[in-house]
């Protein structure tokens, strides 16, 4: 994957982590799909935490010069999808994450650890 999308994934991971997101997963899907290079999946424990996570991702990526193509879902709902083109961010409530199980659907993608995102 190119450094642009990797940088976006790193910024997103850090933003989610700063808001105490649970079980942040980065899945490299560029080799199996044209949708994006990375899916980033995380969940919060309450609607206010989900909203805070979405706001933090949007703010940090915006400061880095990245604007979303679209954001779907209500920030206080159980699932917000943030499409940045090269990356797609899924912020869930715990219950909705278990229900939709995107990790299973995208299991052919490569799981990426935080340390890998920090390498140049």
N, C-alpha and C. Protein backbone atom coordinates (compact mmCIF):
# COMPACT_ATOMS: atom_id res chain seq x y z
N UNK A 1 0.84 -1.17 0.00
CA UNK A 1 0.00 0.00 0.00
C UNK A 1 0.89 1.24 0.00
N UNK A 2 0.36 2.32 -0.52
CA UNK A 2 1.19 3.51 -0.60
C UNK A 2 1.28 4.21 0.76
N UNK A 3 2.26 5.09 0.87
CA UNK A 3 2.50 5.78 2.14
C UNK A 3 1.36 6.71 2.52
N UNK A 4 0.63 7.25 1.54
CA UNK A 4 -0.50 8.14 1.83
C UNK A 4 -1.57 7.40 2.61
N UNK A 5 -2.00 6.26 2.12
CA UNK A 5 -3.05 5.51 2.80
C UNK A 5 -2.55 4.96 4.13
N UNK A 6 -1.29 4.56 4.19
CA UNK A 6 -0.71 4.06 5.43
C UNK A 6 -0.67 5.18 6.48
N UNK A 7 -0.32 6.38 6.06
CA UNK A 7 -0.30 7.53 6.96
C UNK A 7 -1.71 7.84 7.47
N UNK A 8 -2.70 7.77 6.58
CA UNK A 8 -4.08 8.00 6.99
C UNK A 8 -4.52 6.95 8.01
N UNK A 9 -4.13 5.71 7.79
CA UNK A 9 -4.47 4.63 8.72
C UNK A 9 -3.80 4.86 10.08
N UNK A 10 -2.56 5.31 10.07
CA UNK A 10 -1.84 5.57 11.32
C UNK A 10 -2.51 6.70 12.11
N UNK A 11 -2.84 7.79 11.44
CA UNK A 11 -3.51 8.92 12.09
C UNK A 11 -4.85 8.47 12.67
N UNK A 12 -5.59 7.67 11.90
CA UNK A 12 -6.88 7.18 12.36
C UNK A 12 -6.73 6.30 13.59
N UNK A 13 -5.77 5.39 13.55
CA UNK A 13 -5.52 4.51 14.70
C UNK A 13 -5.24 5.36 15.95
N UNK A 14 -4.35 6.34 15.82
CA UNK A 14 -3.99 7.18 16.96
C UNK A 14 -5.20 7.97 17.47
N UNK A 15 -6.04 8.46 16.56
CA UNK A 15 -7.24 9.20 16.97
C UNK A 15 -8.19 8.31 17.75
N UNK A 16 -8.42 7.11 17.24
CA UNK A 16 -9.32 6.18 17.92
C UNK A 16 -8.75 5.77 19.28
N UNK A 17 -7.46 5.50 19.31
CA UNK A 17 -6.81 5.10 20.55
C UNK A 17 -6.89 6.21 21.60
N UNK A 18 -6.79 7.46 21.17
CA UNK A 18 -6.83 8.58 22.11
C UNK A 18 -8.20 8.71 22.77
N UNK A 19 -9.22 8.17 22.15
CA UNK A 19 -10.59 8.20 22.70
C UNK A 19 -10.97 6.86 23.32
N UNK A 20 -9.95 6.05 23.61
CA UNK A 20 -10.14 4.77 24.31
C UNK A 20 -11.03 3.79 23.53
N UNK A 21 -10.89 3.80 22.21
CA UNK A 21 -11.62 2.84 21.38
C UNK A 21 -11.21 1.43 21.76
N UNK A 22 -12.16 0.51 21.67
CA UNK A 22 -11.87 -0.89 21.99
C UNK A 22 -11.54 -1.67 20.72
N UNK A 23 -10.57 -2.56 20.84
CA UNK A 23 -10.27 -3.55 19.81
C UNK A 23 -10.12 -2.94 18.42
N UNK A 24 -9.18 -2.00 18.28
CA UNK A 24 -8.94 -1.35 16.99
C UNK A 24 -8.29 -2.36 16.06
N UNK A 25 -8.90 -2.58 14.91
CA UNK A 25 -8.37 -3.50 13.91
C UNK A 25 -8.12 -2.72 12.62
N UNK A 26 -6.95 -2.93 12.06
CA UNK A 26 -6.61 -2.38 10.74
C UNK A 26 -6.45 -3.57 9.82
N UNK A 27 -7.22 -3.57 8.75
CA UNK A 27 -7.19 -4.68 7.78
C UNK A 27 -6.79 -4.11 6.42
N UNK A 28 -5.70 -4.62 5.88
CA UNK A 28 -5.25 -4.21 4.55
C UNK A 28 -6.06 -5.01 3.53
N UNK A 29 -6.88 -4.29 2.76
CA UNK A 29 -7.76 -4.97 1.80
C UNK A 29 -7.43 -4.62 0.35
N UNK A 30 -6.42 -3.79 0.13
CA UNK A 30 -6.07 -3.34 -1.22
C UNK A 30 -5.77 -4.46 -2.19
N UNK A 31 -5.24 -5.56 -1.68
CA UNK A 31 -4.91 -6.69 -2.55
C UNK A 31 -6.10 -7.55 -2.93
N UNK A 32 -7.24 -7.36 -2.24
CA UNK A 32 -8.41 -8.20 -2.52
C UNK A 32 -9.64 -7.40 -2.93
N UNK A 33 -9.54 -6.06 -2.91
CA UNK A 33 -10.69 -5.23 -3.23
C UNK A 33 -10.25 -3.87 -3.76
N UNK A 34 -11.08 -3.28 -4.60
CA UNK A 34 -10.80 -1.93 -5.10
C UNK A 34 -11.49 -0.87 -4.24
N UNK A 35 -12.21 -1.30 -3.20
CA UNK A 35 -12.95 -0.35 -2.35
C UNK A 35 -12.01 0.63 -1.67
N UNK A 36 -10.91 0.12 -1.11
CA UNK A 36 -9.97 0.95 -0.35
C UNK A 36 -8.70 0.14 -0.12
N UNK A 37 -7.70 0.80 0.46
CA UNK A 37 -6.48 0.10 0.84
C UNK A 37 -6.61 -0.52 2.23
N UNK A 38 -7.30 0.21 3.13
CA UNK A 38 -7.44 -0.25 4.51
C UNK A 38 -8.87 -0.07 5.01
N UNK A 39 -9.30 -1.01 5.82
CA UNK A 39 -10.48 -0.87 6.67
C UNK A 39 -9.96 -0.71 8.09
N UNK A 40 -10.47 0.26 8.81
CA UNK A 40 -10.15 0.39 10.23
C UNK A 40 -11.47 0.22 10.97
N UNK A 41 -11.47 -0.71 11.93
CA UNK A 41 -12.69 -1.06 12.65
C UNK A 41 -12.42 -0.90 14.15
N UNK A 42 -13.34 -0.24 14.84
CA UNK A 42 -13.22 -0.08 16.29
C UNK A 42 -14.61 0.07 16.88
N UNK A 43 -14.68 -0.10 18.19
CA UNK A 43 -15.98 0.12 18.83
C UNK A 43 -15.81 0.90 20.13
N UNK A 44 -16.93 1.51 20.51
CA UNK A 44 -17.01 2.23 21.78
C UNK A 44 -18.05 1.58 22.66
N UNK A 45 -18.12 2.02 23.90
CA UNK A 45 -19.03 1.44 24.87
C UNK A 45 -20.34 2.21 25.03
N UNK A 46 -20.43 3.38 24.41
CA UNK A 46 -21.64 4.19 24.52
C UNK A 46 -21.77 5.05 23.27
N UNK A 47 -22.96 5.58 23.06
CA UNK A 47 -23.17 6.44 21.89
C UNK A 47 -22.32 7.71 21.99
N UNK A 48 -22.11 8.21 23.20
CA UNK A 48 -21.27 9.41 23.33
C UNK A 48 -19.81 9.10 23.02
N UNK A 49 -19.34 7.89 23.36
CA UNK A 49 -17.97 7.52 23.02
C UNK A 49 -17.82 7.33 21.52
N UNK A 50 -18.80 6.70 20.88
CA UNK A 50 -18.78 6.54 19.42
C UNK A 50 -18.70 7.91 18.76
N UNK A 51 -19.51 8.84 19.22
CA UNK A 51 -19.52 10.19 18.67
C UNK A 51 -18.16 10.87 18.87
N UNK A 52 -17.57 10.72 20.04
CA UNK A 52 -16.25 11.32 20.31
C UNK A 52 -15.18 10.71 19.41
N UNK A 53 -15.26 9.41 19.18
CA UNK A 53 -14.29 8.74 18.31
C UNK A 53 -14.40 9.26 16.88
N UNK A 54 -15.61 9.37 16.37
CA UNK A 54 -15.84 9.88 15.01
C UNK A 54 -15.32 11.31 14.89
N UNK A 55 -15.65 12.15 15.86
CA UNK A 55 -15.21 13.54 15.83
C UNK A 55 -13.69 13.65 15.84
N UNK A 56 -13.03 12.81 16.65
CA UNK A 56 -11.57 12.86 16.75
C UNK A 56 -10.91 12.42 15.44
N UNK A 57 -11.44 11.37 14.82
CA UNK A 57 -10.90 10.92 13.54
C UNK A 57 -11.05 12.02 12.50
N UNK A 58 -12.24 12.59 12.42
CA UNK A 58 -12.51 13.64 11.44
C UNK A 58 -11.60 14.85 11.67
N UNK A 59 -11.41 15.23 12.92
CA UNK A 59 -10.57 16.39 13.24
C UNK A 59 -9.11 16.14 12.89
N UNK A 60 -8.58 15.00 13.31
CA UNK A 60 -7.15 14.72 13.06
C UNK A 60 -6.85 14.52 11.59
N UNK A 61 -7.70 13.80 10.88
CA UNK A 61 -7.47 13.63 9.44
C UNK A 61 -7.62 14.97 8.72
N UNK A 62 -8.58 15.79 9.16
CA UNK A 62 -8.77 17.12 8.57
C UNK A 62 -7.54 18.00 8.76
N UNK A 63 -6.96 17.97 9.96
CA UNK A 63 -5.74 18.75 10.22
C UNK A 63 -4.59 18.29 9.34
N UNK A 64 -4.59 17.01 8.98
CA UNK A 64 -3.53 16.46 8.12
C UNK A 64 -3.83 16.69 6.63
N UNK A 65 -4.99 17.31 6.34
CA UNK A 65 -5.34 17.63 4.96
C UNK A 65 -6.22 16.62 4.26
N UNK A 66 -6.78 15.68 5.00
CA UNK A 66 -7.63 14.65 4.41
C UNK A 66 -9.10 14.94 4.73
N UNK A 67 -9.91 15.00 3.71
CA UNK A 67 -11.34 15.24 3.88
C UNK A 67 -12.12 13.99 3.50
N UNK A 68 -13.19 13.71 4.23
CA UNK A 68 -13.98 12.52 3.90
C UNK A 68 -14.75 12.69 2.59
N UNK A 69 -14.86 11.61 1.85
CA UNK A 69 -15.73 11.61 0.67
C UNK A 69 -17.17 11.60 1.13
N UNK A 70 -17.44 10.83 2.19
CA UNK A 70 -18.76 10.85 2.82
C UNK A 70 -18.68 10.17 4.18
N UNK A 71 -19.63 10.55 5.02
CA UNK A 71 -19.79 9.93 6.32
C UNK A 71 -21.24 9.49 6.41
N UNK A 72 -21.44 8.22 6.71
CA UNK A 72 -22.80 7.67 6.78
C UNK A 72 -23.06 7.16 8.18
N UNK A 73 -24.30 7.28 8.60
CA UNK A 73 -24.68 6.86 9.94
C UNK A 73 -24.74 8.08 10.84
N UNK A 74 -25.58 8.00 11.81
CA UNK A 74 -25.72 9.09 12.78
C UNK A 74 -24.67 8.90 13.85
N UNK A 75 -24.01 9.96 14.23
CA UNK A 75 -22.91 9.85 15.19
C UNK A 75 -23.33 9.23 16.51
N UNK A 76 -24.58 9.34 16.84
CA UNK A 76 -25.05 8.76 18.10
C UNK A 76 -25.64 7.37 17.88
N UNK A 77 -25.46 6.83 16.67
CA UNK A 77 -26.02 5.51 16.37
C UNK A 77 -25.01 4.41 16.68
N UNK A 78 -25.33 3.20 16.26
CA UNK A 78 -24.47 2.07 16.54
C UNK A 78 -23.40 1.82 15.50
N UNK A 79 -23.43 2.53 14.37
CA UNK A 79 -22.43 2.30 13.32
C UNK A 79 -22.28 3.57 12.49
N UNK A 80 -21.06 4.08 12.42
CA UNK A 80 -20.75 5.22 11.57
C UNK A 80 -19.65 4.78 10.62
N UNK A 81 -19.87 5.00 9.33
CA UNK A 81 -18.91 4.67 8.29
C UNK A 81 -18.31 5.97 7.78
N UNK A 82 -16.99 6.05 7.78
CA UNK A 82 -16.28 7.24 7.31
C UNK A 82 -15.43 6.84 6.11
N UNK A 83 -15.82 7.32 4.93
CA UNK A 83 -15.13 6.94 3.69
C UNK A 83 -14.16 8.04 3.30
N UNK A 84 -12.88 7.72 3.36
CA UNK A 84 -11.83 8.66 2.96
C UNK A 84 -11.16 8.23 1.65
N UNK A 85 -11.81 7.35 0.92
CA UNK A 85 -11.24 6.88 -0.34
C UNK A 85 -10.25 5.76 -0.13
N UNK A 86 -9.04 6.12 0.29
CA UNK A 86 -7.99 5.11 0.50
C UNK A 86 -8.21 4.28 1.76
N UNK A 87 -8.94 4.86 2.72
CA UNK A 87 -9.28 4.12 3.93
C UNK A 87 -10.77 4.27 4.19
N UNK A 88 -11.33 3.26 4.83
CA UNK A 88 -12.72 3.31 5.27
C UNK A 88 -12.71 2.97 6.75
N UNK A 89 -13.30 3.87 7.55
CA UNK A 89 -13.31 3.71 9.00
C UNK A 89 -14.71 3.31 9.43
N UNK A 90 -14.79 2.25 10.23
CA UNK A 90 -16.06 1.78 10.77
C UNK A 90 -16.00 1.94 12.29
N UNK A 91 -16.86 2.79 12.83
CA UNK A 91 -16.93 2.98 14.27
C UNK A 91 -18.27 2.43 14.73
N UNK A 92 -18.22 1.44 15.60
CA UNK A 92 -19.41 0.71 16.03
C UNK A 92 -19.68 0.86 17.52
N UNK A 93 -20.93 0.59 17.89
CA UNK A 93 -21.22 0.22 19.27
C UNK A 93 -20.75 -1.23 19.40
N UNK A 94 -20.54 -1.67 20.60
CA UNK A 94 -20.07 -3.05 20.82
C UNK A 94 -21.05 -4.07 20.23
N UNK A 95 -22.34 -3.85 20.47
CA UNK A 95 -23.36 -4.79 20.00
C UNK A 95 -23.42 -4.86 18.48
N UNK A 96 -23.39 -3.71 17.82
CA UNK A 96 -23.46 -3.70 16.36
C UNK A 96 -22.21 -4.30 15.73
N UNK A 97 -21.07 -4.09 16.35
CA UNK A 97 -19.84 -4.69 15.83
C UNK A 97 -19.94 -6.22 15.85
N UNK A 98 -20.42 -6.75 16.95
CA UNK A 98 -20.59 -8.20 17.04
C UNK A 98 -21.60 -8.70 16.01
N UNK A 99 -22.67 -7.95 15.81
CA UNK A 99 -23.72 -8.35 14.88
C UNK A 99 -23.22 -8.37 13.43
N UNK A 100 -22.56 -7.30 12.99
CA UNK A 100 -22.13 -7.20 11.59
C UNK A 100 -20.85 -7.98 11.30
N UNK A 101 -19.98 -8.16 12.28
CA UNK A 101 -18.79 -9.01 12.19
C UNK A 101 -17.98 -8.79 10.90
N UNK A 102 -17.60 -7.54 10.66
CA UNK A 102 -16.84 -7.22 9.44
C UNK A 102 -15.50 -7.94 9.38
N UNK A 103 -14.89 -8.23 10.52
CA UNK A 103 -13.62 -8.94 10.51
C UNK A 103 -13.77 -10.31 9.84
N UNK A 104 -14.89 -10.97 10.07
CA UNK A 104 -15.12 -12.27 9.44
C UNK A 104 -15.33 -12.10 7.94
N UNK A 105 -16.09 -11.11 7.56
CA UNK A 105 -16.37 -10.87 6.14
C UNK A 105 -15.08 -10.55 5.38
N UNK A 106 -14.17 -9.81 6.01
CA UNK A 106 -12.93 -9.38 5.36
C UNK A 106 -11.72 -10.19 5.86
N UNK A 107 -11.94 -11.44 6.25
CA UNK A 107 -10.86 -12.26 6.82
C UNK A 107 -9.75 -12.55 5.81
N UNK A 108 -10.02 -12.39 4.52
CA UNK A 108 -8.97 -12.60 3.51
C UNK A 108 -8.00 -11.42 3.46
N UNK A 109 -8.34 -10.32 4.10
CA UNK A 109 -7.43 -9.18 4.18
C UNK A 109 -6.32 -9.46 5.17
N UNK A 110 -5.28 -8.64 5.13
CA UNK A 110 -4.13 -8.81 6.01
C UNK A 110 -4.30 -7.92 7.24
N UNK A 111 -4.24 -8.53 8.41
CA UNK A 111 -4.31 -7.77 9.66
C UNK A 111 -2.99 -7.00 9.83
N UNK A 112 -3.10 -5.72 10.15
CA UNK A 112 -1.93 -4.85 10.28
C UNK A 112 -1.83 -4.38 11.73
N UNK A 113 -0.68 -4.58 12.33
CA UNK A 113 -0.45 -4.14 13.70
C UNK A 113 -0.05 -2.67 13.73
N UNK A 114 -0.25 -2.03 14.87
CA UNK A 114 0.08 -0.62 15.03
C UNK A 114 1.53 -0.33 14.66
N UNK A 115 2.44 -1.20 15.10
CA UNK A 115 3.87 -0.99 14.83
C UNK A 115 4.16 -0.94 13.32
N UNK A 116 3.42 -1.71 12.52
CA UNK A 116 3.62 -1.70 11.08
C UNK A 116 3.21 -0.37 10.47
N UNK A 117 2.21 0.28 11.05
CA UNK A 117 1.75 1.57 10.54
C UNK A 117 2.77 2.66 10.80
N UNK A 118 3.57 2.49 11.83
CA UNK A 118 4.54 3.51 12.21
C UNK A 118 5.84 3.42 11.43
N UNK A 119 6.05 2.30 10.70
CA UNK A 119 7.25 2.15 9.89
C UNK A 119 7.09 2.92 8.59
N UNK A 120 8.19 3.47 8.12
CA UNK A 120 8.17 4.17 6.83
C UNK A 120 8.31 3.20 5.70
